[in-house]
Each structure stands twice: as structure tokens, then as C-alpha cells.
N, C-alpha and C. Protein backbone atom coordinates (compact mmCIF):
# COMPACT_ATOMS: atom_id res chain seq x y z
N MET A 1 56.96 59.94 28.13
CA MET A 1 57.11 60.30 26.77
C MET A 1 56.03 61.35 26.40
N ALA A 2 56.42 62.59 26.30
CA ALA A 2 55.59 63.71 26.03
C ALA A 2 55.26 63.85 24.54
N LYS A 3 54.02 64.11 24.31
CA LYS A 3 53.53 64.25 22.81
C LYS A 3 52.97 65.61 22.95
N THR A 4 52.92 66.25 21.73
CA THR A 4 52.21 67.54 21.70
C THR A 4 50.72 67.21 21.13
N SER A 5 49.86 68.16 21.07
CA SER A 5 48.60 67.94 20.59
C SER A 5 48.65 67.58 19.05
N THR A 6 49.69 67.66 18.43
CA THR A 6 49.86 67.32 16.95
C THR A 6 50.23 65.79 16.80
N GLY A 7 50.59 65.21 18.04
CA GLY A 7 50.96 63.79 17.95
C GLY A 7 52.55 63.60 17.80
N ARG A 8 53.25 64.77 17.69
CA ARG A 8 54.74 64.87 17.51
C ARG A 8 55.34 64.45 18.69
N ILE A 9 56.39 63.53 18.67
CA ILE A 9 57.13 63.03 19.86
C ILE A 9 58.04 64.15 20.24
N GLU A 10 58.17 64.65 21.53
CA GLU A 10 58.83 65.67 21.89
C GLU A 10 60.29 65.23 22.13
N VAL A 11 60.44 63.96 22.60
CA VAL A 11 61.81 63.45 22.92
C VAL A 11 62.18 62.55 21.83
N PRO A 12 63.21 63.22 20.96
CA PRO A 12 63.68 62.58 19.74
C PRO A 12 64.21 61.12 20.00
N GLU A 13 64.81 60.80 21.06
CA GLU A 13 65.32 59.60 21.39
C GLU A 13 64.13 58.51 21.55
N ALA A 14 63.09 58.95 21.74
CA ALA A 14 61.89 57.92 22.06
C ALA A 14 61.30 57.55 20.74
N LYS A 15 61.55 58.34 19.53
CA LYS A 15 60.91 57.79 18.36
C LYS A 15 61.19 56.39 17.93
N GLU A 16 62.49 56.05 17.91
CA GLU A 16 62.82 54.66 17.62
C GLU A 16 62.19 53.71 18.51
N ALA A 17 62.11 53.90 19.77
CA ALA A 17 61.50 52.98 20.74
C ALA A 17 60.01 52.88 20.43
N MET A 18 59.29 54.03 20.08
CA MET A 18 57.88 53.96 19.86
C MET A 18 57.69 53.13 18.47
N ASP A 19 58.59 53.35 17.55
CA ASP A 19 58.39 52.73 16.21
C ASP A 19 58.63 51.15 16.50
N ARG A 20 59.53 50.75 17.27
CA ARG A 20 59.67 49.35 17.66
C ARG A 20 58.38 48.79 18.33
N PHE A 21 58.00 49.61 19.38
CA PHE A 21 56.75 49.23 20.06
C PHE A 21 55.44 49.07 19.12
N LYS A 22 55.39 49.98 18.18
CA LYS A 22 54.19 50.00 17.31
C LYS A 22 54.37 48.63 16.40
N MET A 23 55.46 48.32 15.91
CA MET A 23 55.72 47.11 15.28
C MET A 23 55.44 45.86 16.02
N GLU A 24 55.79 45.79 17.24
CA GLU A 24 55.64 44.61 18.12
C GLU A 24 54.07 44.52 18.36
N VAL A 25 53.45 45.54 18.58
CA VAL A 25 51.92 45.59 18.90
C VAL A 25 51.22 45.15 17.55
N ALA A 26 51.66 45.70 16.38
CA ALA A 26 51.00 45.26 15.17
C ALA A 26 51.13 43.81 14.95
N ASP A 27 52.34 43.30 15.16
CA ASP A 27 52.56 41.77 15.03
C ASP A 27 51.75 41.07 15.87
N GLU A 28 51.65 41.46 17.21
CA GLU A 28 50.88 40.83 18.26
C GLU A 28 49.31 40.62 17.77
N ILE A 29 48.82 41.66 17.34
CA ILE A 29 47.41 41.63 16.92
C ILE A 29 47.11 41.35 15.49
N GLY A 30 48.20 41.01 14.71
CA GLY A 30 48.05 40.54 13.24
C GLY A 30 47.75 41.77 12.40
N VAL A 31 48.13 42.92 12.47
CA VAL A 31 48.02 44.02 11.54
C VAL A 31 49.47 44.05 10.71
N PRO A 32 49.30 44.00 9.56
CA PRO A 32 50.54 43.98 8.63
C PRO A 32 51.00 45.39 8.33
N LEU A 33 51.69 46.00 9.33
CA LEU A 33 52.30 47.37 9.08
C LEU A 33 53.49 47.23 8.20
N SER A 34 53.49 48.21 7.39
CA SER A 34 54.67 48.24 6.46
C SER A 34 56.02 48.89 7.27
N LYS A 35 57.17 48.30 6.95
CA LYS A 35 58.29 48.86 7.56
C LYS A 35 58.82 50.17 6.94
N ASP A 36 58.35 50.45 5.67
CA ASP A 36 58.80 51.60 5.11
C ASP A 36 57.91 52.77 5.52
N GLY A 37 56.88 52.63 6.31
CA GLY A 37 56.04 53.73 6.90
C GLY A 37 54.78 54.04 6.18
N TYR A 38 54.58 53.40 4.86
CA TYR A 38 53.33 53.73 4.16
C TYR A 38 52.33 52.56 4.42
N ASN A 39 51.24 52.90 5.08
CA ASN A 39 50.18 51.94 5.40
C ASN A 39 48.82 52.37 4.91
N GLY A 40 48.80 53.10 3.74
CA GLY A 40 47.69 53.45 3.03
C GLY A 40 46.71 52.24 2.82
N ASN A 41 47.25 50.99 2.61
CA ASN A 41 46.44 49.90 2.14
C ASN A 41 45.63 49.39 3.44
N LEU A 42 45.88 49.89 4.64
CA LEU A 42 45.23 49.39 5.69
C LEU A 42 43.94 50.20 6.09
N THR A 43 43.07 49.60 6.64
CA THR A 43 41.69 50.28 6.95
C THR A 43 41.89 51.06 8.23
N SER A 44 40.99 52.00 8.47
CA SER A 44 41.01 52.81 9.57
C SER A 44 41.01 51.95 10.91
N TYR A 45 40.18 50.91 10.75
CA TYR A 45 40.00 50.00 11.89
C TYR A 45 41.25 49.38 12.37
N GLU A 46 42.07 48.84 11.28
CA GLU A 46 43.40 48.22 11.61
C GLU A 46 44.29 49.20 12.08
N ASN A 47 44.47 50.39 11.55
CA ASN A 47 45.39 51.36 12.16
C ASN A 47 44.94 51.85 13.49
N GLY A 48 43.72 52.03 13.76
CA GLY A 48 43.20 52.36 15.06
C GLY A 48 43.39 51.36 16.09
N SER A 49 43.26 50.08 15.63
CA SER A 49 43.47 48.96 16.59
C SER A 49 44.92 48.93 17.22
N VAL A 50 45.94 49.29 16.20
CA VAL A 50 47.22 49.29 16.69
C VAL A 50 47.40 50.31 17.78
N GLY A 51 47.05 51.59 17.53
CA GLY A 51 47.15 52.57 18.49
C GLY A 51 46.35 52.41 19.75
N GLY A 52 45.26 51.81 19.71
CA GLY A 52 44.40 51.60 20.87
C GLY A 52 45.10 50.42 21.79
N TYR A 53 45.71 49.49 21.09
CA TYR A 53 46.22 48.40 21.81
C TYR A 53 47.59 48.96 22.56
N MET A 54 48.29 49.79 21.78
CA MET A 54 49.50 50.46 22.37
C MET A 54 49.13 51.22 23.61
N VAL A 55 48.07 52.05 23.55
CA VAL A 55 47.67 52.70 24.79
C VAL A 55 47.18 51.76 25.90
N LYS A 56 46.48 50.65 25.55
CA LYS A 56 46.16 49.67 26.60
C LYS A 56 47.43 49.04 27.23
N LYS A 57 48.45 48.86 26.40
CA LYS A 57 49.64 48.11 27.03
C LYS A 57 50.42 49.12 27.82
N MET A 58 50.39 50.43 27.45
CA MET A 58 51.05 51.51 28.28
C MET A 58 50.44 51.71 29.55
N ILE A 59 49.07 51.69 29.56
CA ILE A 59 48.35 51.89 30.86
C ILE A 59 48.54 50.63 31.63
N GLU A 60 48.55 49.49 31.12
CA GLU A 60 48.84 48.30 32.04
C GLU A 60 50.17 48.30 32.62
N ALA A 61 51.22 48.75 31.78
CA ALA A 61 52.68 48.88 32.37
C ALA A 61 52.62 49.81 33.48
N GLN A 62 52.00 50.98 33.32
CA GLN A 62 52.06 52.04 34.28
C GLN A 62 51.30 51.73 35.57
N GLU A 63 50.18 50.93 35.45
CA GLU A 63 49.48 50.43 36.58
C GLU A 63 50.35 49.42 37.36
N LYS A 64 50.96 48.64 36.67
CA LYS A 64 51.82 47.61 37.23
C LYS A 64 53.00 48.28 38.06
N GLU A 65 53.60 49.25 37.38
CA GLU A 65 54.62 49.91 38.04
C GLU A 65 54.25 50.73 39.28
N MET A 66 53.08 51.36 39.28
CA MET A 66 52.51 52.09 40.34
C MET A 66 52.06 51.06 41.58
N SER A 67 51.63 49.89 41.17
CA SER A 67 51.27 48.97 42.18
C SER A 67 52.59 48.27 42.97
N ASN A 68 53.75 48.28 42.11
CA ASN A 68 54.91 47.82 42.76
C ASN A 68 55.61 48.83 43.62
N ARG A 69 55.23 50.03 43.57
CA ARG A 69 55.86 51.11 44.57
C ARG A 69 55.30 51.08 45.90
N ARG A 70 54.26 50.40 46.13
CA ARG A 70 53.76 50.39 47.56
C ARG A 70 54.51 49.65 48.40
């Protein structure tokens, strides 16, 4: 999934999957993300924790995939 330095998703088909993933992660860690996209009521910490946990899960999935290729 390629992203530009502005954070824009370059593969349009990936947007829906990333949105679903973000909501799943938010549910897992208890951050109440709004389904309509407005999350101005959340703290920077809450928003950052969602993104950070998404990255952690993506790295774990990649590491698992790489270890299965051996």
C-alpha cells in the first residue's frame, strides 16, 4: 500500500480496506472513532494510538509473512 508524503493513499481500492482496518484497531484499543469521519472530540493521544497500533499490526503481519517464506 503506497502512500505519499502527504498521507494520501495512492491505490484508491485500498481506502475502504484501510478505513475498515482503522475502525477494527480503534475498537480493539477502545478508541471511539466516529463512523462519519469527524473525530475532533478525541485527544491527540487517542488518535495517535490508533495510527501507532495500525503500524504495529502491519509490521507484525509482514514479519509473519516473511518468516513463512523460508
